[in-house]
Amino acid sequence: MADLSTSTDTTFSYSSQPAHPLRPVFISVLAAKVLVAAFLLTTVSMAPPVAAESSYAALN
């Protein structure tokens, strides 16, 4: 059986690859999406409740 610890041709080095140039833009867009989602959820949760009966009574 072959000793796998001595073979060096299958060794991968991920640290040698440069970072993608648009990575900061991607992270900024994701952060902006999270902030907008949090803002929208906050505004919806702070809205006053609306009773369905009052809105349907105006149609009669």
N, C-alpha and C. Protein backbone atom coordinates (compact mmCIF):
# COMPACT_ATOMS: atom_id res chain seq x y z
N MET A 1 0.85 -1.17 0.00
CA MET A 1 0.00 0.00 0.00
C MET A 1 0.90 1.24 0.00
N ALA A 2 0.49 2.25 -0.73
CA ALA A 2 1.31 3.46 -0.86
C ALA A 2 1.17 4.35 0.37
N ASP A 3 2.26 4.98 0.73
CA ASP A 3 2.27 5.90 1.86
C ASP A 3 1.83 7.28 1.36
N LEU A 4 0.66 7.75 1.77
CA LEU A 4 0.13 9.01 1.27
C LEU A 4 0.78 10.23 1.89
N SER A 5 1.46 10.06 3.01
CA SER A 5 2.07 11.20 3.67
C SER A 5 3.30 11.72 2.93
N THR A 6 3.88 10.91 2.06
CA THR A 6 5.08 11.34 1.35
C THR A 6 4.78 11.93 -0.01
N SER A 7 3.57 11.78 -0.53
CA SER A 7 3.29 12.33 -1.86
C SER A 7 3.01 13.83 -1.74
N THR A 8 3.70 14.61 -2.53
CA THR A 8 3.55 16.06 -2.48
C THR A 8 2.80 16.61 -3.68
N ASP A 9 2.46 15.77 -4.65
CA ASP A 9 1.79 16.27 -5.85
C ASP A 9 0.31 16.56 -5.62
N THR A 10 -0.27 16.07 -4.54
CA THR A 10 -1.69 16.33 -4.27
C THR A 10 -1.89 17.37 -3.19
N THR A 11 -0.84 18.07 -2.81
CA THR A 11 -0.94 19.08 -1.76
C THR A 11 -1.49 20.37 -2.37
N PHE A 12 -2.55 20.90 -1.79
CA PHE A 12 -3.16 22.12 -2.27
C PHE A 12 -2.85 23.25 -1.31
N SER A 13 -2.55 24.39 -1.85
CA SER A 13 -2.27 25.56 -1.04
C SER A 13 -3.26 26.65 -1.41
N TYR A 14 -4.23 26.89 -0.54
CA TYR A 14 -5.25 27.90 -0.81
C TYR A 14 -4.78 29.30 -0.45
N SER A 15 -3.74 29.42 0.32
CA SER A 15 -3.28 30.74 0.74
C SER A 15 -2.52 31.47 -0.36
N SER A 16 -2.11 30.76 -1.40
CA SER A 16 -1.35 31.40 -2.47
C SER A 16 -2.26 32.13 -3.47
N GLN A 17 -3.56 31.88 -3.44
CA GLN A 17 -4.47 32.54 -4.38
C GLN A 17 -4.80 33.93 -3.87
N PRO A 18 -4.73 34.93 -4.77
CA PRO A 18 -5.06 36.30 -4.35
C PRO A 18 -6.56 36.46 -4.12
N ALA A 19 -6.91 37.43 -3.30
CA ALA A 19 -8.32 37.71 -3.04
C ALA A 19 -8.95 38.31 -4.29
N HIS A 20 -10.23 38.05 -4.47
CA HIS A 20 -10.94 38.60 -5.62
C HIS A 20 -11.01 40.11 -5.49
N PRO A 21 -10.83 40.85 -6.59
CA PRO A 21 -10.81 42.32 -6.48
C PRO A 21 -12.15 42.94 -6.11
N LEU A 22 -13.25 42.23 -6.35
CA LEU A 22 -14.57 42.78 -6.02
C LEU A 22 -15.10 42.29 -4.68
N ARG A 23 -14.27 41.63 -3.90
CA ARG A 23 -14.73 41.13 -2.60
C ARG A 23 -15.21 42.23 -1.67
N PRO A 24 -14.52 43.38 -1.55
CA PRO A 24 -15.04 44.45 -0.69
C PRO A 24 -16.40 44.97 -1.14
N VAL A 25 -16.62 45.01 -2.45
CA VAL A 25 -17.91 45.46 -2.98
C VAL A 25 -19.00 44.45 -2.61
N PHE A 26 -18.69 43.18 -2.72
CA PHE A 26 -19.65 42.13 -2.38
C PHE A 26 -20.04 42.20 -0.91
N ILE A 27 -19.06 42.38 -0.06
CA ILE A 27 -19.33 42.46 1.38
C ILE A 27 -20.12 43.73 1.70
N SER A 28 -19.83 44.82 1.02
CA SER A 28 -20.58 46.06 1.24
C SER A 28 -22.03 45.91 0.81
N VAL A 29 -22.26 45.25 -0.31
CA VAL A 29 -23.63 45.04 -0.78
C VAL A 29 -24.39 44.13 0.18
N LEU A 30 -23.76 43.09 0.67
CA LEU A 30 -24.43 42.22 1.64
C LEU A 30 -24.76 42.97 2.93
N ALA A 31 -23.84 43.79 3.39
CA ALA A 31 -24.10 44.58 4.60
C ALA A 31 -25.23 45.57 4.37
N ALA A 32 -25.27 46.18 3.19
CA ALA A 32 -26.35 47.12 2.88
C ALA A 32 -27.69 46.40 2.84
N LYS A 33 -27.73 45.20 2.29
CA LYS A 33 -28.98 44.43 2.24
C LYS A 33 -29.48 44.11 3.65
N VAL A 34 -28.57 43.73 4.53
CA VAL A 34 -28.95 43.42 5.90
C VAL A 34 -29.48 44.67 6.60
N LEU A 35 -28.82 45.80 6.39
CA LEU A 35 -29.27 47.04 7.02
C LEU A 35 -30.64 47.47 6.50
N VAL A 36 -30.86 47.36 5.20
CA VAL A 36 -32.17 47.73 4.63
C VAL A 36 -33.26 46.80 5.13
N ALA A 37 -32.95 45.50 5.20
CA ALA A 37 -33.94 44.54 5.72
C ALA A 37 -34.27 44.83 7.17
N ALA A 38 -33.28 45.16 7.98
CA ALA A 38 -33.53 45.50 9.38
C ALA A 38 -34.35 46.77 9.50
N PHE A 39 -34.06 47.76 8.66
CA PHE A 39 -34.82 49.00 8.68
C PHE A 39 -36.28 48.76 8.29
N LEU A 40 -36.50 47.98 7.24
CA LEU A 40 -37.87 47.70 6.80
C LEU A 40 -38.64 46.90 7.85
N LEU A 41 -38.00 45.92 8.46
CA LEU A 41 -38.68 45.16 9.51
C LEU A 41 -38.99 46.03 10.72
N THR A 42 -38.12 46.96 11.03
CA THR A 42 -38.37 47.87 12.15
C THR A 42 -39.55 48.78 11.87
N THR A 43 -39.60 49.33 10.65
CA THR A 43 -40.71 50.23 10.33
C THR A 43 -42.04 49.48 10.28
N VAL A 44 -42.03 48.26 9.80
CA VAL A 44 -43.27 47.48 9.76
C VAL A 44 -43.73 47.13 11.17
N SER A 45 -42.80 46.80 12.04
CA SER A 45 -43.19 46.41 13.40
C SER A 45 -43.66 47.62 14.21
N MET A 46 -43.24 48.82 13.84
CA MET A 46 -43.67 50.01 14.57
C MET A 46 -44.96 50.61 14.02
N ALA A 47 -45.47 50.08 12.93
CA ALA A 47 -46.70 50.61 12.34
C ALA A 47 -47.88 50.30 13.27
N PRO A 48 -48.82 51.22 13.34
CA PRO A 48 -49.99 50.96 14.20
C PRO A 48 -50.87 49.86 13.60
N PRO A 49 -51.50 49.07 14.44
CA PRO A 49 -52.38 48.01 13.91
C PRO A 49 -53.63 48.61 13.27
N VAL A 50 -54.08 47.94 12.23
CA VAL A 50 -55.26 48.40 11.51
C VAL A 50 -56.35 47.36 11.70
N ALA A 51 -57.52 47.80 12.14
CA ALA A 51 -58.64 46.88 12.31
C ALA A 51 -59.32 46.66 10.96
N ALA A 52 -59.57 45.41 10.62
CA ALA A 52 -60.17 45.09 9.33
C ALA A 52 -61.61 45.59 9.25
N GLU A 53 -62.32 45.65 10.37
CA GLU A 53 -63.71 46.05 10.35
C GLU A 53 -63.86 47.52 9.91
N SER A 54 -62.95 48.37 10.34
CA SER A 54 -63.08 49.79 10.00
C SER A 54 -62.81 50.02 8.51
N SER A 55 -61.92 49.27 7.90
CA SER A 55 -61.65 49.48 6.50
C SER A 55 -62.76 48.92 5.62
N TYR A 56 -63.43 47.83 6.04
CA TYR A 56 -64.52 47.27 5.26
C TYR A 56 -65.82 48.06 5.47
N ALA A 57 -65.97 48.76 6.57
CA ALA A 57 -67.20 49.50 6.84
C ALA A 57 -67.33 50.68 5.89
N ALA A 58 -66.24 51.21 5.40
CA ALA A 58 -66.30 52.34 4.49
C ALA A 58 -66.82 51.94 3.12
N LEU A 59 -66.76 50.67 2.78
CA LEU A 59 -67.23 50.21 1.47
C LEU A 59 -68.75 50.04 1.43
N ASN A 60 -69.44 49.96 2.57
CA ASN A 60 -70.89 49.73 2.58
C ASN A 60 -71.64 50.96 2.30
